[in-house]
Amino acid sequence: MANTTPTELDTLKNSLRIPLDLKDDDALLQSYLDGAREYVANTLDEDGTGTRLESKRAKVVINALAELMYQNRGDNNVTKDFPFTLRALINQLKY
């Protein structure tokens, strides 16, 4: 039986409504996930192996940050701040 657990990339693609078999932006999406994970790790002052970084809430934050990065790429889309809900989740992770 094949492993049916979705990868972090699959989860991001699903949340962006990108078909899983469409591979055109996979490298870009993975770089956004990596950047979001690093951002959260730095925010939590962890080296990337901490338990808070592996929590369900942290995974939601990482995915949401990567979504924002993807949706706001290019010159025409500029988000000046994180949405309130995302900021609240990040603040909860700190404590």
N, C-alpha and C. Protein backbone atom coordinates (compact mmCIF):
# COMPACT_ATOMS: atom_id res chain seq x y z
N MET A 1 0.84 -1.18 0.00
CA MET A 1 0.00 0.00 0.00
C MET A 1 0.89 1.25 0.00
N ALA A 2 0.59 2.21 -0.84
CA ALA A 2 1.39 3.42 -0.98
C ALA A 2 1.13 4.36 0.20
N ASN A 3 2.13 5.17 0.51
CA ASN A 3 2.01 6.16 1.56
C ASN A 3 1.07 7.27 1.08
N THR A 4 -0.01 7.51 1.83
CA THR A 4 -1.00 8.51 1.42
C THR A 4 -0.92 9.77 2.26
N THR A 5 0.09 9.88 3.12
CA THR A 5 0.26 11.08 3.92
C THR A 5 0.72 12.22 3.01
N PRO A 6 -0.04 13.33 2.99
CA PRO A 6 0.37 14.43 2.10
C PRO A 6 1.65 15.09 2.59
N THR A 7 2.46 15.49 1.64
CA THR A 7 3.69 16.20 1.98
C THR A 7 3.35 17.66 2.29
N GLU A 8 4.31 18.36 2.84
CA GLU A 8 4.14 19.79 3.10
C GLU A 8 3.84 20.53 1.79
N LEU A 9 4.50 20.13 0.71
CA LEU A 9 4.28 20.74 -0.60
C LEU A 9 2.87 20.43 -1.11
N ASP A 10 2.42 19.20 -0.94
CA ASP A 10 1.05 18.84 -1.34
C ASP A 10 0.02 19.67 -0.59
N THR A 11 0.24 19.85 0.70
CA THR A 11 -0.69 20.64 1.51
C THR A 11 -0.75 22.07 1.01
N LEU A 12 0.41 22.65 0.70
CA LEU A 12 0.45 24.02 0.18
C LEU A 12 -0.26 24.10 -1.17
N LYS A 13 0.01 23.15 -2.04
CA LYS A 13 -0.64 23.17 -3.36
C LYS A 13 -2.15 23.04 -3.22
N ASN A 14 -2.61 22.19 -2.31
CA ASN A 14 -4.05 22.06 -2.09
C ASN A 14 -4.64 23.37 -1.59
N SER A 15 -3.97 24.03 -0.67
CA SER A 15 -4.51 25.27 -0.12
C SER A 15 -4.53 26.39 -1.16
N LEU A 16 -3.63 26.31 -2.14
CA LEU A 16 -3.60 27.29 -3.23
C LEU A 16 -4.45 26.85 -4.42
N ARG A 17 -5.06 25.68 -4.30
CA ARG A 17 -5.89 25.09 -5.37
C ARG A 17 -5.09 24.85 -6.66
N ILE A 18 -3.84 24.40 -6.46
CA ILE A 18 -2.98 24.02 -7.58
C ILE A 18 -3.05 22.50 -7.69
N PRO A 19 -3.39 21.97 -8.86
CA PRO A 19 -3.44 20.50 -9.00
C PRO A 19 -2.11 19.86 -8.63
N LEU A 20 -2.18 18.77 -7.88
CA LEU A 20 -0.97 18.11 -7.41
C LEU A 20 -0.10 17.61 -8.55
N ASP A 21 -0.69 17.28 -9.70
CA ASP A 21 0.11 16.78 -10.82
C ASP A 21 0.76 17.90 -11.63
N LEU A 22 0.42 19.16 -11.35
CA LEU A 22 1.05 20.30 -12.01
C LEU A 22 2.34 20.63 -11.26
N LYS A 23 3.47 20.46 -11.91
CA LYS A 23 4.77 20.57 -11.24
C LYS A 23 5.52 21.86 -11.57
N ASP A 24 4.93 22.76 -12.38
CA ASP A 24 5.63 23.94 -12.87
C ASP A 24 6.23 24.81 -11.76
N ASP A 25 5.52 25.00 -10.67
CA ASP A 25 5.98 25.90 -9.61
C ASP A 25 6.48 25.17 -8.37
N ASP A 26 6.71 23.88 -8.46
CA ASP A 26 7.11 23.12 -7.28
C ASP A 26 8.37 23.66 -6.62
N ALA A 27 9.38 23.99 -7.39
CA ALA A 27 10.63 24.49 -6.82
C ALA A 27 10.40 25.83 -6.12
N LEU A 28 9.61 26.70 -6.74
CA LEU A 28 9.28 28.00 -6.15
C LEU A 28 8.48 27.81 -4.86
N LEU A 29 7.48 26.95 -4.91
CA LEU A 29 6.66 26.69 -3.73
C LEU A 29 7.50 26.11 -2.59
N GLN A 30 8.40 25.20 -2.93
CA GLN A 30 9.26 24.61 -1.89
C GLN A 30 10.17 25.68 -1.28
N SER A 31 10.66 26.60 -2.10
CA SER A 31 11.51 27.66 -1.55
C SER A 31 10.71 28.56 -0.61
N TYR A 32 9.43 28.79 -0.92
CA TYR A 32 8.58 29.57 -0.02
C TYR A 32 8.34 28.82 1.29
N LEU A 33 8.13 27.52 1.21
CA LEU A 33 7.97 26.72 2.42
C LEU A 33 9.23 26.76 3.27
N ASP A 34 10.39 26.63 2.62
CA ASP A 34 11.66 26.66 3.34
C ASP A 34 11.86 28.02 4.01
N GLY A 35 11.56 29.08 3.28
CA GLY A 35 11.69 30.43 3.84
C GLY A 35 10.73 30.66 4.99
N ALA A 36 9.50 30.17 4.86
CA ALA A 36 8.51 30.33 5.93
C ALA A 36 8.94 29.55 7.17
N ARG A 37 9.46 28.33 6.96
CA ARG A 37 9.93 27.52 8.10
C ARG A 37 11.10 28.23 8.80
N GLU A 38 12.01 28.79 8.03
CA GLU A 38 13.14 29.51 8.62
C GLU A 38 12.66 30.75 9.38
N TYR A 39 11.69 31.46 8.82
CA TYR A 39 11.13 32.64 9.48
C TYR A 39 10.52 32.26 10.83
N VAL A 40 9.72 31.19 10.85
CA VAL A 40 9.09 30.76 12.09
C VAL A 40 10.15 30.28 13.08
N ALA A 41 11.13 29.54 12.62
CA ALA A 41 12.21 29.07 13.51
C ALA A 41 12.94 30.26 14.13
N ASN A 42 13.24 31.28 13.33
CA ASN A 42 13.91 32.45 13.86
C ASN A 42 13.02 33.22 14.83
N THR A 43 11.75 33.30 14.51
CA THR A 43 10.80 33.98 15.39
C THR A 43 10.72 33.29 16.74
N LEU A 44 10.77 31.96 16.72
CA LEU A 44 10.70 31.18 17.95
C LEU A 44 12.07 30.98 18.58
N ASP A 45 13.11 31.52 17.93
CA ASP A 45 14.48 31.37 18.40
C ASP A 45 14.83 29.90 18.55
N GLU A 46 14.47 29.11 17.51
CA GLU A 46 14.79 27.69 17.49
C GLU A 46 15.66 27.41 16.28
N ASP A 47 16.35 26.30 16.33
CA ASP A 47 17.25 25.93 15.24
C ASP A 47 16.58 25.09 14.16
N GLY A 48 15.27 24.94 14.22
CA GLY A 48 14.56 24.15 13.23
C GLY A 48 14.24 22.75 13.69
N THR A 49 14.69 22.38 14.88
CA THR A 49 14.42 21.04 15.38
C THR A 49 13.55 21.06 16.63
N GLY A 50 13.11 22.23 17.04
CA GLY A 50 12.32 22.35 18.26
C GLY A 50 10.92 21.78 18.10
N THR A 51 10.36 21.39 19.22
CA THR A 51 9.03 20.78 19.19
C THR A 51 7.95 21.79 18.82
N ARG A 52 8.13 23.05 19.20
CA ARG A 52 7.12 24.05 18.83
C ARG A 52 7.05 24.21 17.32
N LEU A 53 8.16 24.08 16.64
CA LEU A 53 8.20 24.21 15.19
C LEU A 53 7.48 23.05 14.50
N GLU A 54 7.37 21.93 15.17
CA GLU A 54 6.70 20.76 14.60
C GLU A 54 5.24 20.65 15.04
N SER A 55 4.76 21.62 15.80
CA SER A 55 3.37 21.58 16.25
C SER A 55 2.42 21.82 15.08
N LYS A 56 1.18 21.40 15.24
CA LYS A 56 0.17 21.61 14.20
C LYS A 56 -0.02 23.09 13.92
N ARG A 57 0.01 23.89 14.96
CA ARG A 57 -0.17 25.34 14.79
C ARG A 57 0.98 25.94 13.98
N ALA A 58 2.21 25.51 14.26
CA ALA A 58 3.36 26.01 13.50
C ALA A 58 3.26 25.60 12.04
N LYS A 59 2.79 24.38 11.78
CA LYS A 59 2.63 23.93 10.39
C LYS A 59 1.60 24.78 9.65
N VAL A 60 0.53 25.17 10.35
CA VAL A 60 -0.47 26.06 9.75
C VAL A 60 0.15 27.42 9.42
N VAL A 61 0.94 27.94 10.34
CA VAL A 61 1.59 29.23 10.13
C VAL A 61 2.57 29.16 8.97
N ILE A 62 3.37 28.11 8.91
CA ILE A 62 4.33 27.94 7.82
C ILE A 62 3.61 27.88 6.48
N ASN A 63 2.53 27.12 6.42
CA ASN A 63 1.76 27.02 5.18
C ASN A 63 1.16 28.37 4.81
N ALA A 64 0.59 29.08 5.79
CA ALA A 64 -0.03 30.38 5.52
C ALA A 64 1.00 31.40 5.04
N LEU A 65 2.18 31.39 5.64
CA LEU A 65 3.25 32.30 5.19
C LEU A 65 3.67 31.99 3.76
N ALA A 66 3.82 30.71 3.45
CA ALA A 66 4.20 30.31 2.10
C ALA A 66 3.10 30.70 1.10
N GLU A 67 1.84 30.56 1.50
CA GLU A 67 0.73 31.01 0.64
C GLU A 67 0.84 32.49 0.35
N LEU A 68 1.07 33.29 1.39
CA LEU A 68 1.20 34.74 1.20
C LEU A 68 2.35 35.08 0.26
N MET A 69 3.46 34.41 0.42
CA MET A 69 4.61 34.66 -0.45
C MET A 69 4.27 34.36 -1.90
N TYR A 70 3.58 33.25 -2.12
CA TYR A 70 3.22 32.86 -3.49
C TYR A 70 2.19 33.82 -4.07
N GLN A 71 1.19 34.17 -3.30
CA GLN A 71 0.12 35.03 -3.79
C GLN A 71 0.58 36.47 -3.99
N ASN A 72 1.64 36.87 -3.32
CA ASN A 72 2.11 38.25 -3.40
C ASN A 72 3.43 38.39 -4.14
N ARG A 73 3.73 37.41 -4.99
CA ARG A 73 4.95 37.52 -5.79
C ARG A 73 4.69 38.50 -6.93
N GLY A 74 5.72 39.11 -7.41
CA GLY A 74 5.55 40.06 -8.51
C GLY A 74 5.41 41.48 -8.02
N ASP A 75 5.40 42.39 -8.95
CA ASP A 75 5.38 43.82 -8.64
C ASP A 75 4.00 44.38 -8.36
N ASN A 76 2.96 43.74 -8.86
CA ASN A 76 1.62 44.30 -8.75
C ASN A 76 0.93 43.98 -7.43
N ASN A 77 1.44 43.02 -6.70
CA ASN A 77 0.81 42.59 -5.45
C ASN A 77 1.73 42.89 -4.29
N VAL A 78 1.28 43.75 -3.39
CA VAL A 78 2.10 44.09 -2.24
C VAL A 78 1.24 44.00 -0.98
N THR A 79 1.65 43.14 -0.06
CA THR A 79 1.00 43.06 1.24
C THR A 79 1.94 43.70 2.24
N LYS A 80 1.46 44.70 2.96
CA LYS A 80 2.32 45.44 3.87
C LYS A 80 2.45 44.79 5.23
N ASP A 81 1.49 43.95 5.61
CA ASP A 81 1.54 43.31 6.92
C ASP A 81 0.82 41.97 6.83
N PHE A 82 1.11 41.12 7.80
CA PHE A 82 0.41 39.84 7.86
C PHE A 82 -1.03 40.08 8.29
N PRO A 83 -1.95 39.23 7.84
CA PRO A 83 -3.32 39.31 8.34
C PRO A 83 -3.32 39.10 9.86
N PHE A 84 -4.31 39.67 10.53
CA PHE A 84 -4.39 39.61 11.99
C PHE A 84 -4.33 38.18 12.51
N THR A 85 -5.07 37.28 11.90
CA THR A 85 -5.12 35.89 12.36
C THR A 85 -3.74 35.25 12.32
N LEU A 86 -2.99 35.52 11.26
CA LEU A 86 -1.65 34.96 11.14
C LEU A 86 -0.72 35.55 12.20
N ARG A 87 -0.80 36.85 12.42
CA ARG A 87 0.01 37.48 13.47
C ARG A 87 -0.33 36.90 14.84
N ALA A 88 -1.62 36.67 15.09
CA ALA A 88 -2.03 36.11 16.37
C ALA A 88 -1.47 34.70 16.56
N LEU A 89 -1.51 33.89 15.52
CA LEU A 89 -0.95 32.53 15.61
C LEU A 89 0.55 32.56 15.86
N ILE A 90 1.25 33.45 15.18
CA ILE A 90 2.70 33.57 15.38
C ILE A 90 2.99 33.98 16.82
N ASN A 91 2.24 34.94 17.34
CA ASN A 91 2.44 35.38 18.72
C ASN A 91 2.15 34.26 19.71
N GLN A 92 1.15 33.45 19.45
CA GLN A 92 0.85 32.31 20.34
C GLN A 92 1.97 31.30 20.33
N LEU A 93 2.61 31.12 19.21
CA LEU A 93 3.71 30.15 19.13
C LEU A 93 4.91 30.59 19.99
N LYS A 94 5.06 31.88 20.17
CA LYS A 94 6.20 32.40 20.91
C LYS A 94 6.14 32.02 22.39
N TYR A 95 4.94 31.78 22.91
CA TYR A 95 4.79 31.58 24.35
C TYR A 95 4.24 30.23 24.69
